[in-house]
Amino acid sequence: MKKFFKIFSIITVNILLLIILLFISDFILYKLTVNPKKYFEENPLSDSIPKFHYELKEPNITFIELDDYFDGQDDISRGRKPAGLQYCSEAKKNNCHPIVLFGDSFAHGQYLHYNQNFGFKLSNALKRPVYIRAIPGSGIQHMYYQVSDDMVKSFYDQVPPTDTVFYILIDDHFLRMMIFSDFDIPGGHVFLRYTLKNHKLIKDNYQNKFLNLLKASYTIRAVNLKYLDFILKNNLCADKLTDFMLEYFVQTRSILEKKWNKKINFTVIFYDNDEINYKNLLRKKLEDNNFTVIDTDELTNEDLNSEKYLMQDNLHPTEAAWDLLTPLIIKKAKL
C-alpha cells in the first residue's frame, strides 16, 4: 500500500509540475507574440489583441453561426446574398437551374463589391441564380458542415436543389483542414475541425474540457503550427492529406445527392496563384471520383499574381481577374 501511495504521489507531483511548466510556457509565448505593431500587421482585420485566457466550457469556434450569416451586409466579413434571383421568377421556376458556390474569401469576393465577384459574374453570364455559400477565412470542412450539420438549419431552407456545384480551392485549405486550434499563437478562436475515422468525418467534441484546454494552450498551438509546417511539405504525407481532402468532397456530394434526389455536377476550381501542394495527386483522385477539375494555371497565360489581377495589399483576386477567368471557367465546365 505504501508503495502504491508513493507511486501515486510521484505521478501527481509530476502532473502538477507539467501543468505549471505549461502555464509558464504559455504565458511567455503569449507575451512574445502580442506586440501591438506586429500583431495588427499580421491580423489586419482584428480590432483588439486577445487577452490571455483559457476557454474550457464554450470555445469561440469560428464560422459556425451561419443561419443569419449570408445577409450581404458588407464586402469583407459577412456572407453574400444570392446573385441573379431575377432569373428564377415564379414564371420561370420550372426551368430554373441554380448554381451553388462554396469556398473561402476567393469565392466570396472579399474586398470586392457585390457586382464584382465571381458569383455575380457567373450568374450574369449564364442567366442563372448563384447561391454564394463561401465564407472568408474558412476551410473545406465548412462546406461539409453546412450541408451535414443539424446546427445549420438554414442551408436547405435558403438554398434550393440544384445539379451544379462549384468549390474554389487554394493551397491554404490544406492547412485549414488540419489545424488543431488556431492560426497564430495569441489565438482567441478555435477553428472548426474534423478527424477521419473509417471513412467517417467526426467533428471534435467541443464539450470536452480537457480537449478545449489543449486547444487553448499557447504552447500546444505553437507546436501544432510547427508540426503542420513540416507535414504539409512532406511528400510522405501526400496520400494521407489528399485522401482526407477528397473525403470532404465525396461526402458533401453524396449528402447533397441524397437530400436533393439528383446527380450533382461538382466542379473544383484550383485557383493556382500560389502553387497548391500535391495538386496533381489531388486532381487525379478527384477526377477518378468523377469530379471536374479546372486549374486556373491552365486557363490563361496571364500572371494572376500581377497587380492587375491580384490586390497587392491583401492578396485577393481583383475584379479584372474574374472578368478574365469567368468566361474561361464557363467554357471549360461546358455550361
C-alpha atoms as a PDB file:
ATOM      1  CA  MET A   1       0.000   0.000   0.000  1.00  0.00           C
ATOM      2  CA  LYS A   2       2.845   2.389   0.901  1.00  0.00           C
ATOM      3  CA  LYS A   3       4.436   1.671  -2.461  1.00  0.00           C
ATOM      4  CA  PHE A   4       1.177   2.486  -4.206  1.00  0.00           C
ATOM      5  CA  PHE A   5       0.844   5.831  -2.412  1.00  0.00           C
ATOM      6  CA  LYS A   6       4.447   6.660  -3.180  1.00  0.00           C
ATOM      7  CA  ILE A   7       3.928   5.999  -6.907  1.00  0.00           C
ATOM      8  CA  PHE A   8       0.646   7.931  -6.842  1.00  0.00           C
ATOM      9  CA  SER A   9       2.357  10.886  -5.132  1.00  0.00           C
ATOM     10  CA  ILE A  10       5.190  10.916  -7.677  1.00  0.00           C
ATOM     11  CA  ILE A  11       2.723  10.839 -10.583  1.00  0.00           C
ATOM     12  CA  THR A  12       0.609  13.601  -9.030  1.00  0.00           C
ATOM     13  CA  VAL A  13       3.629  15.840  -8.399  1.00  0.00           C
ATOM     14  CA  ASN A  14       4.891  15.299 -11.955  1.00  0.00           C
ATOM     15  CA  ILE A  15       1.479  16.149 -13.406  1.00  0.00           C
ATOM     16  CA  LEU A  16       1.326  19.335 -11.338  1.00  0.00           C
ATOM     17  CA  LEU A  17       4.847  20.271 -12.440  1.00  0.00           C
ATOM     18  CA  LEU A  18       3.899  19.718 -16.082  1.00  0.00           C
ATOM     19  CA  ILE A  19       0.810  21.909 -15.675  1.00  0.00           C
ATOM     20  CA  ILE A  20       2.872  24.673 -14.043  1.00  0.00           C
ATOM     21  CA  LEU A  21       5.543  24.456 -16.751  1.00  0.00           C
ATOM     22  CA  LEU A  22       2.864  24.529 -19.448  1.00  0.00           C
ATOM     23  CA  PHE A  23       1.278  27.613 -17.885  1.00  0.00           C
ATOM     24  CA  ILE A  24       4.664  29.396 -17.668  1.00  0.00           C
ATOM     25  CA  SER A  25       5.466  28.451 -21.260  1.00  0.00           C
ATOM     26  CA  ASP A  26       2.025  29.638 -22.387  1.00  0.00           C
ATOM     27  CA  PHE A  27       2.411  32.996 -20.655  1.00  0.00           C
ATOM     28  CA  ILE A  28       5.886  33.598 -22.103  1.00  0.00           C
ATOM     29  CA  LEU A  29       4.741  32.697 -25.631  1.00  0.00           C
ATOM     30  CA  TYR A  30       1.701  34.947 -25.277  1.00  0.00           C
ATOM     31  CA  LYS A  31       3.818  37.919 -24.183  1.00  0.00           C
ATOM     32  CA  LEU A  32       6.263  37.359 -27.037  1.00  0.00           C
ATOM     33  CA  THR A  33       3.525  37.426 -29.673  1.00  0.00           C
ATOM     34  CA  VAL A  34       1.229  40.268 -28.622  1.00  0.00           C
ATOM     35  CA  ASN A  35       3.406  43.212 -29.566  1.00  0.00           C
ATOM     36  CA  PRO A  36       0.688  45.552 -30.927  1.00  0.00           C
ATOM     37  CA  LYS A  37       2.546  46.631 -34.070  1.00  0.00           C
ATOM     38  CA  LYS A  38       3.426  43.080 -35.077  1.00  0.00           C
ATOM     39  CA  TYR A  39       0.039  41.651 -34.114  1.00  0.00           C
ATOM     40  CA  PHE A  40      -2.052  44.126 -36.114  1.00  0.00           C
ATOM     41  CA  GLU A  41       0.259  43.789 -39.140  1.00  0.00           C
ATOM     42  CA  GLU A  42      -0.354  40.039 -39.115  1.00  0.00           C
ATOM     43  CA  ASN A  43      -4.078  40.376 -38.249  1.00  0.00           C
ATOM     44  CA  PRO A  44      -5.305  43.445 -40.157  1.00  0.00           C
ATOM     45  CA  LEU A  45      -8.992  42.652 -39.615  1.00  0.00           C
ATOM     46  CA  SER A  46      -8.617  42.468 -35.824  1.00  0.00           C
ATOM     47  CA  ASP A  47      -9.566  45.465 -33.701  1.00  0.00           C
ATOM     48  CA  SER A  48      -8.092  44.202 -30.430  1.00  0.00           C
ATOM     49  CA  ILE A  49      -5.458  41.841 -29.074  1.00  0.00           C
ATOM     50  CA  PRO A  50      -6.881  38.681 -27.456  1.00  0.00           C
ATOM     51  CA  LYS A  51      -6.496  38.535 -23.692  1.00  0.00           C
ATOM     52  CA  PHE A  52      -4.515  35.768 -22.031  1.00  0.00           C
ATOM     53  CA  HIS A  53      -7.127  33.212 -21.081  1.00  0.00           C
ATOM     54  CA  TYR A  54      -8.232  29.586 -21.299  1.00  0.00           C
ATOM     55  CA  GLU A  55     -11.748  28.884 -22.531  1.00  0.00           C
ATOM     56  CA  LEU A  56     -12.773  25.424 -21.361  1.00  0.00           C
ATOM     57  CA  LYS A  57     -16.575  25.473 -21.462  1.00  0.00           C
ATOM     58  CA  GLU A  58     -17.550  27.372 -24.608  1.00  0.00           C
ATOM     59  CA  PRO A  59     -14.638  27.852 -27.026  1.00  0.00           C
ATOM     60  CA  ASN A  60     -15.082  30.513 -29.683  1.00  0.00           C
ATOM     61  CA  ILE A  61     -15.453  28.280 -32.760  1.00  0.00           C
ATOM     62  CA  THR A  62     -15.108  30.241 -35.998  1.00  0.00           C
ATOM     63  CA  PHE A  63     -17.722  30.259 -38.765  1.00  0.00           C
ATOM     64  CA  ILE A  64     -20.389  28.025 -37.261  1.00  0.00           C
ATOM     65  CA  GLU A  65     -23.177  30.541 -36.566  1.00  0.00           C
ATOM     66  CA  LEU A  66     -24.493  30.653 -40.125  1.00  0.00           C
ATOM     67  CA  ASP A  67     -28.285  30.830 -40.041  1.00  0.00           C
ATOM     68  CA  ASP A  68     -28.277  34.642 -40.407  1.00  0.00           C
ATOM     69  CA  TYR A  69     -24.775  34.978 -41.827  1.00  0.00           C
ATOM     70  CA  PHE A  70     -25.470  35.292 -45.563  1.00  0.00           C
ATOM     71  CA  ASP A  71     -27.026  38.745 -45.390  1.00  0.00           C
ATOM     72  CA  GLY A  72     -24.657  40.737 -47.635  1.00  0.00           C
ATOM     73  CA  GLN A  73     -24.182  43.490 -45.050  1.00  0.00           C
ATOM     74  CA  ASP A  74     -20.586  44.181 -46.072  1.00  0.00           C
ATOM     75  CA  ASP A  75     -17.927  43.126 -48.590  1.00  0.00           C
ATOM     76  CA  ILE A  76     -15.414  41.775 -46.088  1.00  0.00           C
ATOM     77  CA  SER A  77     -16.724  39.611 -43.286  1.00  0.00           C
ATOM     78  CA  ARG A  78     -20.421  38.869 -43.899  1.00  0.00           C
ATOM     79  CA  GLY A  79     -21.738  36.230 -46.299  1.00  0.00           C
ATOM     80  CA  ARG A  80     -23.036  37.186 -49.737  1.00  0.00           C
ATOM     81  CA  LYS A  81     -26.666  37.222 -50.739  1.00  0.00           C
ATOM     82  CA  PRO A  82     -27.549  35.027 -53.750  1.00  0.00           C
ATOM     83  CA  ALA A  83     -26.859  36.561 -57.150  1.00  0.00           C
ATOM     84  CA  GLY A  84     -29.320  36.527 -60.039  1.00  0.00           C
ATOM     85  CA  LEU A  85     -32.544  35.648 -58.270  1.00  0.00           C
ATOM     86  CA  GLN A  86     -34.352  37.549 -61.023  1.00  0.00           C
ATOM     87  CA  TYR A  87     -33.545  34.636 -63.330  1.00  0.00           C
ATOM     88  CA  CYS A  88     -35.745  32.404 -61.176  1.00  0.00           C
ATOM     89  CA  SER A  89     -39.040  34.260 -61.088  1.00  0.00           C
ATOM     90  CA  GLU A  90     -42.338  32.483 -60.479  1.00  0.00           C
ATOM     91  CA  ALA A  91     -42.910  32.218 -64.243  1.00  0.00           C
ATOM     92  CA  LYS A  92     -39.523  30.561 -64.788  1.00  0.00           C
ATOM     93  CA  LYS A  93     -39.252  28.335 -61.706  1.00  0.00           C
ATOM     94  CA  ASN A  94     -39.776  25.087 -63.598  1.00  0.00           C
ATOM     95  CA  ASN A  95     -36.817  25.920 -65.838  1.00  0.00           C
ATOM     96  CA  CYS A  96     -34.650  27.400 -63.093  1.00  0.00           C
ATOM     97  CA  HIS A  97     -31.208  25.845 -62.703  1.00  0.00           C
ATOM     98  CA  PRO A  98     -29.316  27.499 -59.834  1.00  0.00           C
ATOM     99  CA  ILE A  99     -25.642  27.063 -59.013  1.00  0.00           C
ATOM    100  CA  VAL A 100     -24.104  26.682 -55.536  1.00  0.00           C
ATOM    101  CA  LEU A 101     -20.654  28.149 -54.935  1.00  0.00           C
ATOM    102  CA  PHE A 102     -18.547  27.088 -51.937  1.00  0.00           C
ATOM    103  CA  GLY A 103     -15.119  28.242 -50.831  1.00  0.00           C
ATOM    104  CA  ASP A 104     -13.409  30.930 -48.815  1.00  0.00           C
ATOM    105  CA  SER A 105     -12.625  34.613 -49.446  1.00  0.00           C
ATOM    106  CA  PHE A 106     -11.690  33.985 -53.100  1.00  0.00           C
ATOM    107  CA  ALA A 107     -15.124  32.524 -53.844  1.00  0.00           C
ATOM    108  CA  HIS A 108     -16.768  35.131 -51.614  1.00  0.00           C
ATOM    109  CA  GLY A 109     -15.042  38.010 -53.432  1.00  0.00           C
ATOM    110  CA  GLN A 110     -13.682  39.574 -50.279  1.00  0.00           C
ATOM    111  CA  TYR A 111     -12.860  43.308 -50.684  1.00  0.00           C
ATOM    112  CA  LEU A 112     -14.833  43.412 -53.948  1.00  0.00           C
ATOM    113  CA  HIS A 113     -18.287  44.919 -54.336  1.00  0.00           C
ATOM    114  CA  TYR A 114     -21.252  42.611 -54.848  1.00  0.00           C
ATOM    115  CA  ASN A 115     -21.269  43.056 -58.646  1.00  0.00           C
ATOM    116  CA  GLN A 116     -17.518  42.478 -58.949  1.00  0.00           C
ATOM    117  CA  ASN A 117     -17.193  38.950 -57.566  1.00  0.00           C
ATOM    118  CA  PHE A 118     -17.139  35.593 -59.336  1.00  0.00           C
ATOM    119  CA  GLY A 119     -20.609  34.507 -58.224  1.00  0.00           C
ATOM    120  CA  PHE A 120     -22.245  37.628 -59.616  1.00  0.00           C
ATOM    121  CA  LYS A 121     -20.358  37.434 -62.915  1.00  0.00           C
ATOM    122  CA  LEU A 122     -21.112  33.716 -63.258  1.00  0.00           C
ATOM    123  CA  SER A 123     -24.801  34.396 -62.656  1.00  0.00           C
ATOM    124  CA  ASN A 124     -24.890  37.318 -65.080  1.00  0.00           C
ATOM    125  CA  ALA A 125     -23.139  35.365 -67.835  1.00  0.00           C
ATOM    126  CA  LEU A 126     -25.303  32.236 -67.520  1.00  0.00           C
ATOM    127  CA  LYS A 127     -28.577  33.958 -66.549  1.00  0.00           C
ATOM    128  CA  ARG A 128     -28.851  31.573 -63.599  1.00  0.00           C
ATOM    129  CA  PRO A 129     -29.068  32.216 -59.840  1.00  0.00           C
ATOM    130  CA  VAL A 130     -25.856  31.591 -57.922  1.00  0.00           C
ATOM    131  CA  TYR A 131     -26.037  30.854 -54.197  1.00  0.00           C
ATOM    132  CA  ILE A 132     -22.701  32.038 -52.804  1.00  0.00           C
ATOM    133  CA  ARG A 133     -22.070  29.924 -49.690  1.00  0.00           C
ATOM    134  CA  ALA A 134     -18.441  30.970 -49.379  1.00  0.00           C
ATOM    135  CA  ILE A 135     -17.014  32.111 -46.030  1.00  0.00           C
ATOM    136  CA  PRO A 136     -13.843  34.270 -45.832  1.00  0.00           C
ATOM    137  CA  GLY A 137     -11.110  32.516 -43.875  1.00  0.00           C
ATOM    138  CA  SER A 138     -12.905  29.176 -43.881  1.00  0.00           C
ATOM    139  CA  GLY A 139     -11.773  25.715 -44.931  1.00  0.00           C
ATOM    140  CA  ILE A 140     -13.210  22.810 -46.868  1.00  0.00           C
ATOM    141  CA  GLN A 141     -14.767  21.491 -43.653  1.00  0.00           C
ATOM    142  CA  HIS A 142     -17.140  24.471 -43.629  1.00  0.00           C
ATOM    143  CA  MET A 143     -18.668  23.286 -46.894  1.00  0.00           C
ATOM    144  CA  TYR A 144     -19.273  19.853 -45.364  1.00  0.00           C
ATOM    145  CA  TYR A 145     -20.509  21.440 -42.132  1.00  0.00           C
ATOM    146  CA  GLN A 146     -23.140  23.491 -43.963  1.00  0.00           C
ATOM    147  CA  VAL A 147     -24.725  20.511 -45.712  1.00  0.00           C
ATOM    148  CA  SER A 148     -24.358  17.920 -42.940  1.00  0.00           C
ATOM    149  CA  ASP A 149     -24.686  19.515 -39.516  1.00  0.00           C
ATOM    150  CA  ASP A 150     -28.049  19.938 -37.824  1.00  0.00           C
ATOM    151  CA  MET A 151     -26.800  23.241 -36.400  1.00  0.00           C
ATOM    152  CA  VAL A 152     -27.031  24.839 -39.852  1.00  0.00           C
ATOM    153  CA  LYS A 153     -30.781  24.524 -40.222  1.00  0.00           C
ATOM    154  CA  SER A 154     -30.868  27.323 -42.769  1.00  0.00           C
ATOM    155  CA  PHE A 155     -28.892  25.707 -45.589  1.00  0.00           C
ATOM    156  CA  TYR A 156     -31.703  23.685 -47.145  1.00  0.00           C
ATOM    157  CA  ASP A 157     -34.187  26.478 -46.428  1.00  0.00           C
ATOM    158  CA  GLN A 158     -32.032  29.077 -48.144  1.00  0.00           C
ATOM    159  CA  VAL A 159     -30.518  27.011 -50.970  1.00  0.00           C
ATOM    160  CA  PRO A 160     -32.841  25.264 -53.455  1.00  0.00           C
ATOM    161  CA  PRO A 161     -31.997  21.910 -55.064  1.00  0.00           C
ATOM    162  CA  THR A 162     -29.501  22.088 -57.889  1.00  0.00           C
ATOM    163  CA  ASP A 163     -27.342  19.828 -60.013  1.00  0.00           C
ATOM    164  CA  THR A 164     -24.382  22.243 -60.300  1.00  0.00           C
ATOM    165  CA  VAL A 165     -21.883  22.914 -57.512  1.00  0.00           C
ATOM    166  CA  PHE A 166     -18.543  24.756 -57.556  1.00  0.00           C
ATOM    167  CA  TYR A 167     -15.764  24.870 -54.973  1.00  0.00           C
ATOM    168  CA  ILE A 168     -12.793  27.239 -55.281  1.00  0.00           C
ATOM    169  CA  LEU A 169      -9.721  25.692 -53.697  1.00  0.00           C
ATOM    170  CA  ILE A 170      -6.467  27.427 -52.739  1.00  0.00           C
ATOM    171  CA  ASP A 171      -3.300  25.998 -51.226  1.00  0.00           C
ATOM    172  CA  ASP A 172      -4.082  27.258 -47.714  1.00  0.00           C
ATOM    173  CA  HIS A 173      -7.063  24.890 -47.496  1.00  0.00           C
ATOM    174  CA  PHE A 174      -4.717  22.028 -46.623  1.00  0.00           C
ATOM    175  CA  LEU A 175      -3.540  23.954 -43.546  1.00  0.00           C
ATOM    176  CA  ARG A 176      -7.084  24.952 -42.567  1.00  0.00           C
ATOM    177  CA  MET A 177      -8.226  21.357 -42.921  1.00  0.00           C
ATOM    178  CA  MET A 178      -5.550  20.146 -40.483  1.00  0.00           C
ATOM    179  CA  ILE A 179      -5.242  22.962 -37.930  1.00  0.00           C
ATOM    180  CA  PHE A 180      -5.763  21.793 -34.351  1.00  0.00           C
ATOM    181  CA  SER A 181      -6.726  25.091 -32.795  1.00  0.00           C
ATOM    182  CA  ASP A 182      -5.852  28.482 -34.280  1.00  0.00           C
ATOM    183  CA  PHE A 183      -3.607  30.074 -36.903  1.00  0.00           C
ATOM    184  CA  ASP A 184      -1.494  32.145 -34.549  1.00  0.00           C
ATOM    185  CA  ILE A 185      -0.252  31.771 -31.005  1.00  0.00           C
ATOM    186  CA  PRO A 186      -2.304  34.580 -29.351  1.00  0.00           C
ATOM    187  CA  GLY A 187      -5.366  32.847 -30.725  1.00  0.00           C
ATOM    188  CA  GLY A 188      -8.721  33.811 -29.329  1.00  0.00           C
ATOM    189  CA  HIS A 189     -10.612  31.387 -31.560  1.00  0.00           C
ATOM    190  CA  VAL A 190     -10.830  27.674 -32.273  1.00  0.00           C
ATOM    191  CA  PHE A 191     -11.067  26.518 -35.871  1.00  0.00           C
ATOM    192  CA  LEU A 192     -13.750  24.006 -36.828  1.00  0.00           C
ATOM    193  CA  ARG A 193     -12.086  20.600 -37.076  1.00  0.00           C
ATOM    194  CA  TYR A 194     -12.951  17.043 -38.078  1.00  0.00           C
ATOM    195  CA  THR A 195     -10.940  13.847 -37.974  1.00  0.00           C
ATOM    196  CA  LEU A 196     -11.330  10.989 -40.411  1.00  0.00           C
ATOM    197  CA  LYS A 197     -12.083   7.583 -38.878  1.00  0.00           C
ATOM    198  CA  ASN A 198     -13.126   4.632 -41.022  1.00  0.00           C
ATOM    199  CA  HIS A 199     -14.256   6.985 -43.796  1.00  0.00           C
ATOM    200  CA  LYS A 200     -16.381   8.984 -41.370  1.00  0.00           C
ATOM    201  CA  LEU A 201     -15.795  12.659 -40.671  1.00  0.00           C
ATOM    202  CA  ILE A 202     -16.029  13.122 -36.899  1.00  0.00           C
ATOM    203  CA  LYS A 203     -16.357  16.651 -35.545  1.00  0.00           C
ATOM    204  CA  ASP A 204     -14.266  17.469 -32.471  1.00  0.00           C
ATOM    205  CA  ASN A 205     -16.090  17.304 -29.154  1.00  0.00           C
ATOM    206  CA  TYR A 206     -16.242  20.938 -28.055  1.00  0.00           C
ATOM    207  CA  GLN A 207     -17.851  19.905 -24.759  1.00  0.00           C
ATOM    208  CA  ASN A 208     -14.662  18.063 -23.765  1.00  0.00           C
ATOM    209  CA  LYS A 209     -12.914  20.384 -21.283  1.00  0.00           C
ATOM    210  CA  PHE A 210      -9.576  18.590 -21.494  1.00  0.00           C
ATOM    211  CA  LEU A 211      -9.552  18.847 -25.298  1.00  0.00           C
ATOM    212  CA  ASN A 212     -10.589  22.504 -25.002  1.00  0.00           C
ATOM    213  CA  LEU A 213      -7.679  23.089 -22.615  1.00  0.00           C
ATOM    214  CA  LEU A 214      -5.248  21.615 -25.134  1.00  0.00           C
ATOM    215  CA  LYS A 215      -6.712  23.790 -27.890  1.00  0.00           C
ATOM    216  CA  ALA A 216      -6.415  26.869 -25.654  1.00  0.00           C
ATOM    217  CA  SER A 217      -2.756  26.246 -24.755  1.00  0.00           C
ATOM    218  CA  TYR A 218      -0.419  28.712 -26.448  1.00  0.00           C
ATOM    219  CA  THR A 219       2.409  26.198 -26.274  1.00  0.00           C
ATOM    220  CA  ILE A 220       0.398  23.467 -27.965  1.00  0.00           C
ATOM    221  CA  ARG A 221      -0.706  25.931 -30.659  1.00  0.00           C
ATOM    222  CA  ALA A 222       2.931  26.790 -31.356  1.00  0.00           C
ATOM    223  CA  VAL A 223       3.919  23.110 -31.526  1.00  0.00           C
ATOM    224  CA  ASN A 224       0.951  22.312 -33.781  1.00  0.00           C
ATOM    225  CA  LEU A 225       1.828  25.118 -36.202  1.00  0.00           C
ATOM    226  CA  LYS A 226       5.427  23.903 -36.452  1.00  0.00           C
ATOM    227  CA  TYR A 227       4.227  20.320 -36.915  1.00  0.00           C
ATOM    228  CA  LEU A 228       1.835  21.323 -39.703  1.00  0.00           C
ATOM    229  CA  ASP A 229       4.540  23.347 -41.416  1.00  0.00           C
ATOM    230  CA  PHE A 230       6.546  20.127 -41.565  1.00  0.00           C
ATOM    231  CA  ILE A 231       3.894  17.624 -42.660  1.00  0.00           C
ATOM    232  CA  LEU A 232       2.280  19.898 -45.262  1.00  0.00           C
ATOM    233  CA  LYS A 233       5.589  19.982 -47.133  1.00  0.00           C
ATOM    234  CA  ASN A 234       6.486  16.340 -46.565  1.00  0.00           C
ATOM    235  CA  ASN A 235       5.826  14.162 -49.602  1.00  0.00           C
ATOM    236  CA  LEU A 236       5.401  11.148 -47.322  1.00  0.00           C
ATOM    237  CA  CYS A 237       2.142  12.738 -46.149  1.00  0.00           C
ATOM    238  CA  ALA A 238       0.806  13.441 -49.644  1.00  0.00           C
ATOM    239  CA  ASP A 239      -1.533  10.449 -49.841  1.00  0.00           C
ATOM    240  CA  LYS A 240      -2.963  10.984 -46.369  1.00  0.00           C
ATOM    241  CA  LEU A 241      -3.596  14.697 -46.949  1.00  0.00           C
ATOM    242  CA  THR A 242      -5.168  14.278 -50.375  1.00  0.00           C
ATOM    243  CA  ASP A 243      -7.294  11.333 -49.221  1.00  0.00           C
ATOM    244  CA  PHE A 244      -8.577  13.450 -46.342  1.00  0.00           C
ATOM    245  CA  MET A 245      -9.470  16.350 -48.631  1.00  0.00           C
ATOM    246  CA  LEU A 246     -11.066  14.013 -51.173  1.00  0.00           C
ATOM    247  CA  GLU A 247     -13.308  12.622 -48.428  1.00  0.00           C
ATOM    248  CA  TYR A 248     -14.826  16.066 -47.818  1.00  0.00           C
ATOM    249  CA  PHE A 249     -15.722  16.406 -51.492  1.00  0.00           C
ATOM    250  CA  VAL A 250     -17.088  12.884 -51.831  1.00  0.00           C
ATOM    251  CA  GLN A 251     -19.192  13.053 -48.688  1.00  0.00           C
ATOM    252  CA  THR A 252     -20.527  16.548 -49.415  1.00  0.00           C
ATOM    253  CA  ARG A 253     -21.649  15.479 -52.874  1.00  0.00           C
ATOM    254  CA  SER A 254     -23.173  12.284 -51.522  1.00  0.00           C
ATOM    255  CA  ILE A 255     -25.206  14.171 -48.898  1.00  0.00           C
ATOM    256  CA  LEU A 256     -26.482  16.687 -51.453  1.00  0.00           C
ATOM    257  CA  GLU A 257     -27.417  13.976 -53.952  1.00  0.00           C
ATOM    258  CA  LYS A 258     -29.406  12.100 -51.308  1.00  0.00           C
ATOM    259  CA  LYS A 259     -31.045  15.239 -49.980  1.00  0.00           C
ATOM    260  CA  TRP A 260     -31.973  16.635 -53.404  1.00  0.00           C
ATOM    261  CA  ASN A 261     -32.501  13.292 -55.147  1.00  0.00           C
ATOM    262  CA  LYS A 262     -30.423  14.220 -58.182  1.00  0.00           C
ATOM    263  CA  LYS A 263     -26.916  13.745 -59.511  1.00  0.00           C
ATOM    264  CA  ILE A 264     -24.547  16.631 -58.823  1.00  0.00           C
ATOM    265  CA  ASN A 265     -22.130  18.008 -61.407  1.00  0.00           C
ATOM    266  CA  PHE A 266     -19.401  19.038 -58.990  1.00  0.00           C
ATOM    267  CA  THR A 267     -16.530  21.225 -60.246  1.00  0.00           C
ATOM    268  CA  VAL A 268     -13.431  22.001 -58.190  1.00  0.00           C
ATOM    269  CA  ILE A 269     -11.537  25.100 -59.302  1.00  0.00           C
ATOM    270  CA  PHE A 270      -7.855  25.195 -58.375  1.00  0.00           C
ATOM    271  CA  TYR A 271      -7.087  28.906 -58.039  1.00  0.00           C
ATOM    272  CA  ASP A 272      -3.384  28.453 -58.526  1.00  0.00           C
ATOM    273  CA  ASN A 273      -1.863  31.879 -57.964  1.00  0.00           C
ATOM    274  CA  ASP A 274       0.172  30.191 -55.220  1.00  0.00           C
ATOM    275  CA  GLU A 275       1.305  26.646 -56.017  1.00  0.00           C
ATOM    276  CA  ILE A 276      -1.139  24.169 -54.497  1.00  0.00           C
ATOM    277  CA  ASN A 277       0.526  21.337 -52.622  1.00  0.00           C
ATOM    278  CA  TYR A 278       0.097  17.897 -54.192  1.00  0.00           C
ATOM    279  CA  LYS A 279      -2.067  19.424 -56.902  1.00  0.00           C
ATOM    280  CA  ASN A 280      -1.554  16.690 -59.477  1.00  0.00           C
ATOM    281  CA  LEU A 281      -2.217  13.885 -56.990  1.00  0.00           C
ATOM    282  CA  LEU A 282      -5.359  15.553 -55.666  1.00  0.00           C
ATOM    283  CA  ARG A 283      -6.563  16.246 -59.193  1.00  0.00           C
ATOM    284  CA  LYS A 284      -6.174  12.606 -60.204  1.00  0.00           C
ATOM    285  CA  LYS A 285      -8.106  11.426 -57.153  1.00  0.00           C
ATOM    286  CA  LEU A 286     -10.887  13.929 -57.777  1.00  0.00           C
ATOM    287  CA  GLU A 287     -11.183  13.045 -61.461  1.00  0.00           C
ATOM    288  CA  ASP A 288     -11.111   9.324 -60.636  1.00  0.00           C
ATOM    289  CA  ASN A 289     -14.151  10.035 -58.460  1.00  0.00           C
ATOM    290  CA  ASN A 290     -16.000  11.874 -61.248  1.00  0.00           C
ATOM    291  CA  PHE A 291     -15.312  15.436 -60.174  1.00  0.00           C
ATOM    292  CA  THR A 292     -14.495  18.036 -62.790  1.00  0.00           C
ATOM    293  CA  VAL A 293     -11.252  19.888 -62.039  1.00  0.00           C
ATOM    294  CA  ILE A 294     -10.379  23.273 -63.539  1.00  0.00           C
ATOM    295  CA  ASP A 295      -6.917  24.708 -62.951  1.00  0.00           C
ATOM    296  CA  THR A 296      -6.646  28.473 -63.467  1.00  0.00           C
ATOM    297  CA  ASP A 297      -2.984  27.974 -64.344  1.00  0.00           C
ATOM    298  CA  GLU A 298      -4.141  26.112 -67.481  1.00  0.00           C
ATOM    299  CA  LEU A 299      -6.841  28.613 -68.458  1.00  0.00           C
ATOM    300  CA  THR A 300      -4.620  31.574 -69.182  1.00  0.00           C
ATOM    301  CA  ASN A 301      -1.039  32.680 -69.672  1.00  0.00           C
ATOM    302  CA  GLU A 302      -1.746  35.889 -67.781  1.00  0.00           C
ATOM    303  CA  ASP A 303       0.101  36.346 -64.496  1.00  0.00           C
ATOM    304  CA  LEU A 304      -2.619  36.095 -61.846  1.00  0.00           C
ATOM    305  CA  ASN A 305      -0.158  37.459 -59.284  1.00  0.00           C
ATOM    306  CA  SER A 306       0.300  40.713 -61.170  1.00  0.00           C
ATOM    307  CA  GLU A 307      -1.059  43.981 -59.849  1.00  0.00           C
ATOM    308  CA  LYS A 308      -3.842  43.873 -62.427  1.00  0.00           C
ATOM    309  CA  TYR A 309      -5.246  40.571 -61.194  1.00  0.00           C
ATOM    310  CA  LEU A 310      -4.262  40.446 -57.510  1.00  0.00           C
ATOM    311  CA  MET A 311      -4.735  43.092 -54.837  1.00  0.00           C
ATOM    312  CA  GLN A 312      -1.189  43.595 -53.629  1.00  0.00           C
ATOM    313  CA  ASP A 313      -2.134  44.662 -50.104  1.00  0.00           C
ATOM    314  CA  ASN A 314      -4.350  41.683 -49.242  1.00  0.00           C
ATOM    315  CA  LEU A 315      -3.549  39.109 -51.967  1.00  0.00           C
ATOM    316  CA  HIS A 316      -7.097  38.566 -53.228  1.00  0.00           C
ATOM    317  CA  PRO A 317      -8.310  38.476 -56.845  1.00  0.00           C
ATOM    318  CA  THR A 318      -9.361  41.769 -58.395  1.00  0.00           C
ATOM    319  CA  GLU A 319     -12.458  42.254 -60.494  1.00  0.00           C
ATOM    320  CA  ALA A 320     -10.219  42.053 -63.567  1.00  0.00           C
ATOM    321  CA  ALA A 321      -9.233  38.519 -62.543  1.00  0.00           C
ATOM    322  CA  TRP A 322     -12.864  37.413 -62.549  1.00  0.00           C
ATOM    323  CA  ASP A 323     -13.559  39.271 -65.798  1.00  0.00           C
ATOM    324  CA  LEU A 324     -10.753  37.222 -67.310  1.00  0.00           C
ATOM    325  CA  LEU A 325     -11.494  33.866 -65.682  1.00  0.00           C
ATOM    326  CA  THR A 326     -15.292  33.650 -65.591  1.00  0.00           C
ATOM    327  CA  PRO A 327     -15.880  33.059 -69.328  1.00  0.00           C
ATOM    328  CA  LEU A 328     -12.931  30.648 -69.422  1.00  0.00           C
ATOM    329  CA  ILE A 329     -14.336  28.674 -66.480  1.00  0.00           C
ATOM    330  CA  ILE A 330     -17.789  28.573 -68.091  1.00  0.00           C
ATOM    331  CA  LYS A 331     -16.301  27.239 -71.311  1.00  0.00           C
ATOM    332  CA  LYS A 332     -14.146  24.653 -69.556  1.00  0.00           C
ATOM    333  CA  ALA A 333     -17.047  23.489 -67.388  1.00  0.00           C
ATOM    334  CA  LYS A 334     -19.242  23.237 -70.525  1.00  0.00           C
ATOM    335  CA  LEU A 335     -22.041  25.294 -69.005  1.00  0.00           C
END
